[in-house]
Amino acid sequence: MYKNRTFLVIIPARGGSKGLPGKNIREICGKPLIAWSIEAGVKSSYVDEVMVTTDYQEIADISKNYGANVPFLRPDFLASDTSTSFDAVKHVIDFYKTELNKEFDYIVLLEPTSPLREDGDIDSMIEKIVQNESEFDSIVSIGEVHEHPSIMKKTINDETLAPYCETLELKTRRQDNDTAYFPYGVAYIVKTKSLLDEKTFYTKRNTFYKIKRYQCYEIDDIYDFLAIENIMKHEWRL
């Protein structure tokens, strides 16, 4: 709890993954990948509860061992390739309200594929959103993009190369471009009511929290995994 506001961490972790099978429980620097996100939530001074929503019993068992609550296994229709994070989170909110008689002021979404969190990140984001809750309903972690959108290309008819976004001016020097940011999954924090009303973590009144260069990675495949594993070893001396 922070300033009388309550926070539920939700960590979504499906059992299926086409890019890297079993990635959520694949060992990285001595722990299952999902353990890094669970421990980050548990370490927070303000988080009231950390839970994992998963359709896979092995993920549930490992999550419990690292301190997360797993009050149910996610139904199959919420664990397909087409199901969204919002669908899974709404299911959690509804379950907690109807089955456990628990409601929280804010939802904190931690993606297990973004384990490069520093100890103070979650609490700093919580402090910022609550201290500015009259202006903002959500906060997202962002990192600077080094491959600027102005230089990105697309192919046309398998032969022609064209600008991905023709309205962006291509400048010779990268540093002359306006800074672009990508929302990495260190944390998304949103008022529960706003999330349910707008059905997105990017609410109309959305602010941001900048992360460091080394944190700007997410695991989608084996190459991301190897990169993050070596970043952990380099930055955290693991």
C-alpha atoms as a PDB file:
ATOM      1  CA  MET A   1       0.000   0.000   0.000  1.00  0.00           C
ATOM      2  CA  TYR A   2       1.133   3.535  -0.780  1.00  0.00           C
ATOM      3  CA  LYS A   3      -0.787   6.599   0.428  1.00  0.00           C
ATOM      4  CA  ASN A   4      -3.801   4.375   1.143  1.00  0.00           C
ATOM      5  CA  ARG A   5      -3.806   2.992  -2.412  1.00  0.00           C
ATOM      6  CA  THR A   6      -3.597  -0.771  -2.918  1.00  0.00           C
ATOM      7  CA  PHE A   7      -1.649  -2.583  -5.632  1.00  0.00           C
ATOM      8  CA  LEU A   8      -2.014  -6.029  -7.178  1.00  0.00           C
ATOM      9  CA  VAL A   9       0.882  -7.320  -9.278  1.00  0.00           C
ATOM     10  CA  ILE A  10      -0.277  -9.566 -12.109  1.00  0.00           C
ATOM     11  CA  ILE A  11       2.293 -11.636 -13.992  1.00  0.00           C
ATOM     12  CA  PRO A  12       0.853 -13.325 -17.109  1.00  0.00           C
ATOM     13  CA  ALA A  13       2.643 -16.527 -18.116  1.00  0.00           C
ATOM     14  CA  ARG A  14       1.212 -18.909 -20.679  1.00  0.00           C
ATOM     15  CA  GLY A  15       2.633 -22.376 -21.020  1.00  0.00           C
ATOM     16  CA  GLY A  16       2.794 -22.207 -24.791  1.00  0.00           C
ATOM     17  CA  SER A  17       5.394 -20.141 -26.635  1.00  0.00           C
ATOM     18  CA  LYS A  18       6.243 -20.517 -30.314  1.00  0.00           C
ATOM     19  CA  GLY A  19       9.271 -18.232 -30.284  1.00  0.00           C
ATOM     20  CA  LEU A  20      11.007 -19.987 -27.383  1.00  0.00           C
ATOM     21  CA  PRO A  21       9.170 -23.034 -25.997  1.00  0.00           C
ATOM     22  CA  GLY A  22       9.023 -23.120 -22.199  1.00  0.00           C
ATOM     23  CA  LYS A  23      10.641 -19.699 -21.911  1.00  0.00           C
ATOM     24  CA  ASN A  24       8.800 -18.619 -18.750  1.00  0.00           C
ATOM     25  CA  ILE A  25      10.386 -21.405 -16.722  1.00  0.00           C
ATOM     26  CA  ARG A  26      13.639 -21.700 -18.642  1.00  0.00           C
ATOM     27  CA  GLU A  27      16.568 -21.178 -16.273  1.00  0.00           C
ATOM     28  CA  ILE A  28      18.430 -17.910 -16.638  1.00  0.00           C
ATOM     29  CA  CYS A  29      21.312 -17.041 -14.301  1.00  0.00           C
ATOM     30  CA  GLY A  30      20.292 -19.703 -11.810  1.00  0.00           C
ATOM     31  CA  LYS A  31      16.513 -19.116 -11.660  1.00  0.00           C
ATOM     32  CA  PRO A  32      13.467 -19.775 -13.824  1.00  0.00           C
ATOM     33  CA  LEU A  33      12.789 -16.703 -15.957  1.00  0.00           C
ATOM     34  CA  ILE A  34       9.476 -15.981 -14.232  1.00  0.00           C
ATOM     35  CA  ALA A  35      11.159 -15.965 -10.818  1.00  0.00           C
ATOM     36  CA  TRP A  36      12.887 -12.644 -11.606  1.00  0.00           C
ATOM     37  CA  SER A  37       9.531 -10.908 -12.053  1.00  0.00           C
ATOM     38  CA  ILE A  38       7.964 -12.541  -9.009  1.00  0.00           C
ATOM     39  CA  GLU A  39      10.861 -11.527  -6.792  1.00  0.00           C
ATOM     40  CA  ALA A  40      10.752  -7.967  -8.141  1.00  0.00           C
ATOM     41  CA  GLY A  41       7.104  -7.727  -7.126  1.00  0.00           C
ATOM     42  CA  VAL A  42       7.689  -9.293  -3.718  1.00  0.00           C
ATOM     43  CA  LYS A  43      10.580  -6.891  -3.003  1.00  0.00           C
ATOM     44  CA  SER A  44       8.393  -3.840  -3.579  1.00  0.00           C
ATOM     45  CA  SER A  45       7.627  -1.817  -0.476  1.00  0.00           C
ATOM     46  CA  TYR A  46       4.169  -0.905  -1.759  1.00  0.00           C
ATOM     47  CA  VAL A  47       2.763  -3.963  -3.536  1.00  0.00           C
ATOM     48  CA  ASP A  48       0.000  -5.713  -1.577  1.00  0.00           C
ATOM     49  CA  GLU A  49      -0.081  -8.993  -3.469  1.00  0.00           C
ATOM     50  CA  VAL A  50       1.799 -10.750  -6.286  1.00  0.00           C
ATOM     51  CA  MET A  51      -0.091 -13.253  -8.405  1.00  0.00           C
ATOM     52  CA  VAL A  52       0.621 -15.267 -11.534  1.00  0.00           C
ATOM     53  CA  THR A  53      -2.034 -16.093 -14.088  1.00  0.00           C
ATOM     54  CA  THR A  54      -1.081 -19.189 -16.069  1.00  0.00           C
ATOM     55  CA  ASP A  55      -2.647 -22.171 -17.797  1.00  0.00           C
ATOM     56  CA  TYR A  56       0.284 -24.462 -16.996  1.00  0.00           C
ATOM     57  CA  GLN A  57       0.628 -26.404 -13.758  1.00  0.00           C
ATOM     58  CA  GLU A  58       4.438 -26.451 -13.760  1.00  0.00           C
ATOM     59  CA  ILE A  59       4.524 -22.649 -14.048  1.00  0.00           C
ATOM     60  CA  ALA A  60       1.997 -22.451 -11.200  1.00  0.00           C
ATOM     61  CA  ASP A  61       4.093 -24.699  -8.957  1.00  0.00           C
ATOM     62  CA  ILE A  62       7.319 -22.809  -9.640  1.00  0.00           C
ATOM     63  CA  SER A  63       5.572 -19.470  -9.116  1.00  0.00           C
ATOM     64  CA  LYS A  64       4.274 -20.538  -5.715  1.00  0.00           C
ATOM     65  CA  ASN A  65       7.767 -21.618  -4.699  1.00  0.00           C
ATOM     66  CA  TYR A  66       9.040 -18.097  -5.393  1.00  0.00           C
ATOM     67  CA  GLY A  67       6.304 -16.380  -3.410  1.00  0.00           C
ATOM     68  CA  ALA A  68       3.482 -15.703  -5.865  1.00  0.00           C
ATOM     69  CA  ASN A  69      -0.174 -16.538  -5.366  1.00  0.00           C
ATOM     70  CA  VAL A  70      -1.730 -18.730  -8.051  1.00  0.00           C
ATOM     71  CA  PRO A  71      -5.388 -19.091  -7.013  1.00  0.00           C
ATOM     72  CA  PHE A  72      -6.465 -20.748 -10.285  1.00  0.00           C
ATOM     73  CA  LEU A  73      -5.261 -22.079 -13.612  1.00  0.00           C
ATOM     74  CA  ARG A  74      -6.223 -19.810 -16.474  1.00  0.00           C
ATOM     75  CA  PRO A  75      -8.981 -21.216 -18.712  1.00  0.00           C
ATOM     76  CA  ASP A  76      -7.916 -22.440 -22.153  1.00  0.00           C
ATOM     77  CA  PHE A  77      -9.827 -19.713 -23.998  1.00  0.00           C
ATOM     78  CA  LEU A  78      -7.609 -17.128 -22.271  1.00  0.00           C
ATOM     79  CA  ALA A  79      -4.374 -18.952 -23.073  1.00  0.00           C
ATOM     80  CA  SER A  80      -4.478 -19.013 -26.873  1.00  0.00           C
ATOM     81  CA  ASP A  81      -2.256 -17.089 -29.280  1.00  0.00           C
ATOM     82  CA  THR A  82      -5.119 -14.659 -29.900  1.00  0.00           C
ATOM     83  CA  SER A  83      -5.982 -13.898 -26.269  1.00  0.00           C
ATOM     84  CA  THR A  84      -4.748 -10.530 -24.998  1.00  0.00           C
ATOM     85  CA  SER A  85      -3.090  -9.358 -21.811  1.00  0.00           C
ATOM     86  CA  PHE A  86      -6.175  -7.267 -21.081  1.00  0.00           C
ATOM     87  CA  ASP A  87      -8.421 -10.349 -21.309  1.00  0.00           C
ATOM     88  CA  ALA A  88      -6.218 -12.245 -18.858  1.00  0.00           C
ATOM     89  CA  VAL A  89      -5.990  -9.302 -16.446  1.00  0.00           C
ATOM     90  CA  LYS A  90      -9.729  -8.650 -16.517  1.00  0.00           C
ATOM     91  CA  HIS A  91     -10.284 -12.325 -15.685  1.00  0.00           C
ATOM     92  CA  VAL A  92      -8.004 -11.910 -12.648  1.00  0.00           C
ATOM     93  CA  ILE A  93      -9.801  -8.750 -11.506  1.00  0.00           C
ATOM     94  CA  ASP A  94     -13.192 -10.446 -11.825  1.00  0.00           C
ATOM     95  CA  PHE A  95     -11.977 -13.560  -9.993  1.00  0.00           C
ATOM     96  CA  TYR A  96     -10.531 -11.602  -7.080  1.00  0.00           C
ATOM     97  CA  LYS A  97     -13.712  -9.571  -6.733  1.00  0.00           C
ATOM     98  CA  THR A  98     -16.268 -12.383  -7.005  1.00  0.00           C
ATOM     99  CA  GLU A  99     -14.365 -15.327  -5.523  1.00  0.00           C
ATOM    100  CA  LEU A 100     -11.999 -13.728  -3.013  1.00  0.00           C
ATOM    101  CA  ASN A 101     -13.881 -10.512  -2.226  1.00  0.00           C
ATOM    102  CA  LYS A 102     -10.730  -8.484  -2.924  1.00  0.00           C
ATOM    103  CA  GLU A 103     -10.395  -5.275  -4.917  1.00  0.00           C
ATOM    104  CA  PHE A 104      -7.314  -3.158  -5.604  1.00  0.00           C
ATOM    105  CA  ASP A 105      -6.943   0.480  -6.582  1.00  0.00           C
ATOM    106  CA  TYR A 106      -4.160  -0.220  -9.072  1.00  0.00           C
ATOM    107  CA  ILE A 107      -3.000  -3.107 -11.258  1.00  0.00           C
ATOM    108  CA  VAL A 108       0.734  -3.585 -11.806  1.00  0.00           C
ATOM    109  CA  LEU A 109       1.485  -5.703 -14.875  1.00  0.00           C
ATOM    110  CA  LEU A 110       4.937  -7.305 -14.919  1.00  0.00           C
ATOM    111  CA  GLU A 111       5.905  -9.210 -18.051  1.00  0.00           C
ATOM    112  CA  PRO A 112       8.177 -12.176 -17.268  1.00  0.00           C
ATOM    113  CA  THR A 113       9.935 -11.606 -20.598  1.00  0.00           C
ATOM    114  CA  SER A 114      11.336  -8.314 -19.253  1.00  0.00           C
ATOM    115  CA  PRO A 115      13.438  -9.405 -16.254  1.00  0.00           C
ATOM    116  CA  LEU A 116      15.919  -6.506 -16.344  1.00  0.00           C
ATOM    117  CA  ARG A 117      14.367  -4.514 -13.507  1.00  0.00           C
ATOM    118  CA  GLU A 118      16.248  -2.535 -10.908  1.00  0.00           C
ATOM    119  CA  ASP A 119      15.107  -2.787  -7.287  1.00  0.00           C
ATOM    120  CA  GLY A 120      13.608   0.697  -7.200  1.00  0.00           C
ATOM    121  CA  ASP A 121      11.800   0.686 -10.550  1.00  0.00           C
ATOM    122  CA  ILE A 122       8.390  -0.553  -9.420  1.00  0.00           C
ATOM    123  CA  ASP A 123       8.257   1.628  -6.309  1.00  0.00           C
ATOM    124  CA  SER A 124       9.403   4.707  -8.237  1.00  0.00           C
ATOM    125  CA  MET A 125       6.647   4.151 -10.784  1.00  0.00           C
ATOM    126  CA  ILE A 126       4.071   3.662  -8.028  1.00  0.00           C
ATOM    127  CA  GLU A 127       5.169   6.875  -6.332  1.00  0.00           C
ATOM    128  CA  LYS A 128       4.969   8.844  -9.565  1.00  0.00           C
ATOM    129  CA  ILE A 129       1.506   7.658 -10.590  1.00  0.00           C
ATOM    130  CA  VAL A 130      -0.039   8.106  -7.137  1.00  0.00           C
ATOM    131  CA  GLN A 131       1.524  11.516  -6.584  1.00  0.00           C
ATOM    132  CA  ASN A 132       0.107  12.589  -9.953  1.00  0.00           C
ATOM    133  CA  GLU A 133      -3.151  10.641  -9.927  1.00  0.00           C
ATOM    134  CA  SER A 134      -5.218  13.773 -10.500  1.00  0.00           C
ATOM    135  CA  GLU A 135      -3.498  14.143 -13.887  1.00  0.00           C
ATOM    136  CA  PHE A 136      -2.727  10.563 -14.947  1.00  0.00           C
ATOM    137  CA  ASP A 137      -4.432   7.178 -14.797  1.00  0.00           C
ATOM    138  CA  SER A 138      -1.539   4.988 -15.941  1.00  0.00           C
ATOM    139  CA  ILE A 139       2.234   4.847 -16.220  1.00  0.00           C
ATOM    140  CA  VAL A 140       4.378   2.824 -18.631  1.00  0.00           C
ATOM    141  CA  SER A 141       8.105   2.029 -18.605  1.00  0.00           C
ATOM    142  CA  ILE A 142       9.807   3.236 -21.782  1.00  0.00           C
ATOM    143  CA  GLY A 143      13.284   2.966 -23.254  1.00  0.00           C
ATOM    144  CA  GLU A 144      14.947   4.967 -26.012  1.00  0.00           C
ATOM    145  CA  VAL A 145      14.874   3.296 -29.429  1.00  0.00           C
ATOM    146  CA  HIS A 146      18.219   3.359 -31.235  1.00  0.00           C
ATOM    147  CA  GLU A 147      16.885   2.028 -34.545  1.00  0.00           C
ATOM    148  CA  HIS A 148      14.862   5.155 -35.294  1.00  0.00           C
ATOM    149  CA  PRO A 149      11.477   4.737 -37.054  1.00  0.00           C
ATOM    150  CA  SER A 150      12.518   7.244 -39.745  1.00  0.00           C
ATOM    151  CA  ILE A 151      15.095   4.813 -41.154  1.00  0.00           C
ATOM    152  CA  MET A 152      12.908   1.698 -41.022  1.00  0.00           C
ATOM    153  CA  LYS A 153      11.802   0.168 -44.324  1.00  0.00           C
ATOM    154  CA  LYS A 154       9.087  -2.065 -45.722  1.00  0.00           C
ATOM    155  CA  THR A 155       8.989  -4.211 -48.839  1.00  0.00           C
ATOM    156  CA  ILE A 156       6.372  -3.848 -51.537  1.00  0.00           C
ATOM    157  CA  ASN A 157       5.495  -6.727 -53.864  1.00  0.00           C
ATOM    158  CA  ASP A 158       8.618  -8.588 -52.680  1.00  0.00           C
ATOM    159  CA  GLU A 159      10.824  -6.373 -54.832  1.00  0.00           C
ATOM    160  CA  THR A 160      10.614  -2.707 -53.875  1.00  0.00           C
ATOM    161  CA  LEU A 161      12.046  -1.168 -50.713  1.00  0.00           C
ATOM    162  CA  ALA A 162      10.177   1.818 -49.298  1.00  0.00           C
ATOM    163  CA  PRO A 163      10.102   3.914 -46.116  1.00  0.00           C
ATOM    164  CA  TYR A 164       8.022   2.238 -43.417  1.00  0.00           C
ATOM    165  CA  CYS A 165       6.489   5.587 -42.531  1.00  0.00           C
ATOM    166  CA  GLU A 166       6.705   8.102 -45.367  1.00  0.00           C
ATOM    167  CA  THR A 167       5.643  11.032 -43.168  1.00  0.00           C
ATOM    168  CA  LEU A 168       8.823  10.774 -41.080  1.00  0.00           C
ATOM    169  CA  GLU A 169      11.713  12.842 -42.400  1.00  0.00           C
ATOM    170  CA  LEU A 170      14.924  10.858 -42.832  1.00  0.00           C
ATOM    171  CA  LYS A 171      17.842  12.778 -41.390  1.00  0.00           C
ATOM    172  CA  THR A 172      21.462  11.965 -42.120  1.00  0.00           C
ATOM    173  CA  ARG A 173      22.605  11.869 -38.504  1.00  0.00           C
ATOM    174  CA  ARG A 174      20.698   9.697 -36.031  1.00  0.00           C
ATOM    175  CA  GLN A 175      21.112  12.259 -33.249  1.00  0.00           C
ATOM    176  CA  ASP A 176      19.216  14.848 -35.324  1.00  0.00           C
ATOM    177  CA  ASN A 177      16.001  12.832 -35.084  1.00  0.00           C
ATOM    178  CA  ASP A 178      13.482  13.378 -32.321  1.00  0.00           C
ATOM    179  CA  THR A 179      13.998  10.734 -29.640  1.00  0.00           C
ATOM    180  CA  ALA A 180      11.718   7.716 -30.074  1.00  0.00           C
ATOM    181  CA  TYR A 181      10.727   5.386 -27.247  1.00  0.00           C
ATOM    182  CA  PHE A 182       9.438   1.817 -26.972  1.00  0.00           C
ATOM    183  CA  PRO A 183       7.276   0.571 -24.068  1.00  0.00           C
ATOM    184  CA  TYR A 184       9.328  -2.227 -22.552  1.00  0.00           C
ATOM    185  CA  GLY A 185       7.645  -4.521 -20.038  1.00  0.00           C
ATOM    186  CA  VAL A 186       9.485  -3.486 -16.879  1.00  0.00           C
ATOM    187  CA  ALA A 187       6.066  -2.423 -15.555  1.00  0.00           C
ATOM    188  CA  TYR A 188       2.681  -1.104 -16.559  1.00  0.00           C
ATOM    189  CA  ILE A 189       0.676   0.445 -13.715  1.00  0.00           C
ATOM    190  CA  VAL A 190      -2.914   1.549 -14.161  1.00  0.00           C
ATOM    191  CA  LYS A 191      -5.913   2.495 -12.049  1.00  0.00           C
ATOM    192  CA  THR A 192      -8.195  -0.524 -11.997  1.00  0.00           C
ATOM    193  CA  LYS A 193     -11.283   1.482 -12.891  1.00  0.00           C
ATOM    194  CA  SER A 194      -9.547   3.193 -15.815  1.00  0.00           C
ATOM    195  CA  LEU A 195      -8.271  -0.144 -17.115  1.00  0.00           C
ATOM    196  CA  LEU A 196     -11.753  -1.636 -17.085  1.00  0.00           C
ATOM    197  CA  ASP A 197     -13.315   1.470 -18.606  1.00  0.00           C
ATOM    198  CA  GLU A 198     -10.786   2.002 -21.399  1.00  0.00           C
ATOM    199  CA  LYS A 199      -9.694  -1.624 -21.881  1.00  0.00           C
ATOM    200  CA  THR A 200      -6.047  -0.661 -22.304  1.00  0.00           C
ATOM    201  CA  PHE A 201      -2.925  -0.035 -20.246  1.00  0.00           C
ATOM    202  CA  TYR A 202      -2.299   3.043 -22.398  1.00  0.00           C
ATOM    203  CA  THR A 203      -5.098   5.157 -21.023  1.00  0.00           C
ATOM    204  CA  LYS A 204      -5.869   8.601 -22.395  1.00  0.00           C
ATOM    205  CA  ARG A 205      -4.119  10.143 -19.397  1.00  0.00           C
ATOM    206  CA  ASN A 206      -0.873   8.211 -19.616  1.00  0.00           C
ATOM    207  CA  THR A 207       2.570   9.106 -18.253  1.00  0.00           C
ATOM    208  CA  PHE A 208       5.945   7.378 -18.413  1.00  0.00           C
ATOM    209  CA  TYR A 209       9.003   6.151 -16.544  1.00  0.00           C
ATOM    210  CA  LYS A 210      12.327   6.025 -18.395  1.00  0.00           C
ATOM    211  CA  ILE A 211      14.493   2.937 -17.971  1.00  0.00           C
ATOM    212  CA  LYS A 212      18.215   2.562 -18.609  1.00  0.00           C
ATOM    213  CA  ARG A 213      19.803   1.487 -21.895  1.00  0.00           C
ATOM    214  CA  TYR A 214      20.683  -2.017 -20.665  1.00  0.00           C
ATOM    215  CA  GLN A 215      17.056  -2.660 -19.684  1.00  0.00           C
ATOM    216  CA  CYS A 216      15.737  -2.172 -23.224  1.00  0.00           C
ATOM    217  CA  TYR A 217      15.353  -5.843 -24.099  1.00  0.00           C
ATOM    218  CA  GLU A 218      12.519  -8.377 -24.107  1.00  0.00           C
ATOM    219  CA  ILE A 219      12.663 -12.123 -24.618  1.00  0.00           C
ATOM    220  CA  ASP A 220      10.825 -13.399 -27.674  1.00  0.00           C
ATOM    221  CA  ASP A 221      13.322 -15.949 -28.960  1.00  0.00           C
ATOM    222  CA  ILE A 222      16.593 -17.700 -28.105  1.00  0.00           C
ATOM    223  CA  TYR A 223      18.699 -14.756 -29.294  1.00  0.00           C
ATOM    224  CA  ASP A 224      16.906 -12.350 -26.954  1.00  0.00           C
ATOM    225  CA  PHE A 225      17.326 -14.896 -24.166  1.00  0.00           C
ATOM    226  CA  LEU A 226      21.076 -15.193 -24.724  1.00  0.00           C
ATOM    227  CA  ALA A 227      21.446 -11.419 -24.912  1.00  0.00           C
ATOM    228  CA  ILE A 228      19.585 -10.818 -21.639  1.00  0.00           C
ATOM    229  CA  GLU A 229      21.438 -13.636 -19.895  1.00  0.00           C
ATOM    230  CA  ASN A 230      24.758 -12.000 -20.741  1.00  0.00           C
ATOM    231  CA  ILE A 231      23.474  -8.541 -19.801  1.00  0.00           C
ATOM    232  CA  MET A 232      22.524  -9.902 -16.371  1.00  0.00           C
ATOM    233  CA  LYS A 233      25.989 -11.376 -15.940  1.00  0.00           C
ATOM    234  CA  HIS A 234      27.646  -8.136 -17.028  1.00  0.00           C
ATOM    235  CA  GLU A 235      25.478  -5.613 -15.149  1.00  0.00           C
ATOM    236  CA  TRP A 236      24.676  -7.591 -12.022  1.00  0.00           C
ATOM    237  CA  ARG A 237      27.874  -9.679 -11.811  1.00  0.00           C
ATOM    238  CA  LEU A 238      25.896 -12.927 -11.611  1.00  0.00           C
END
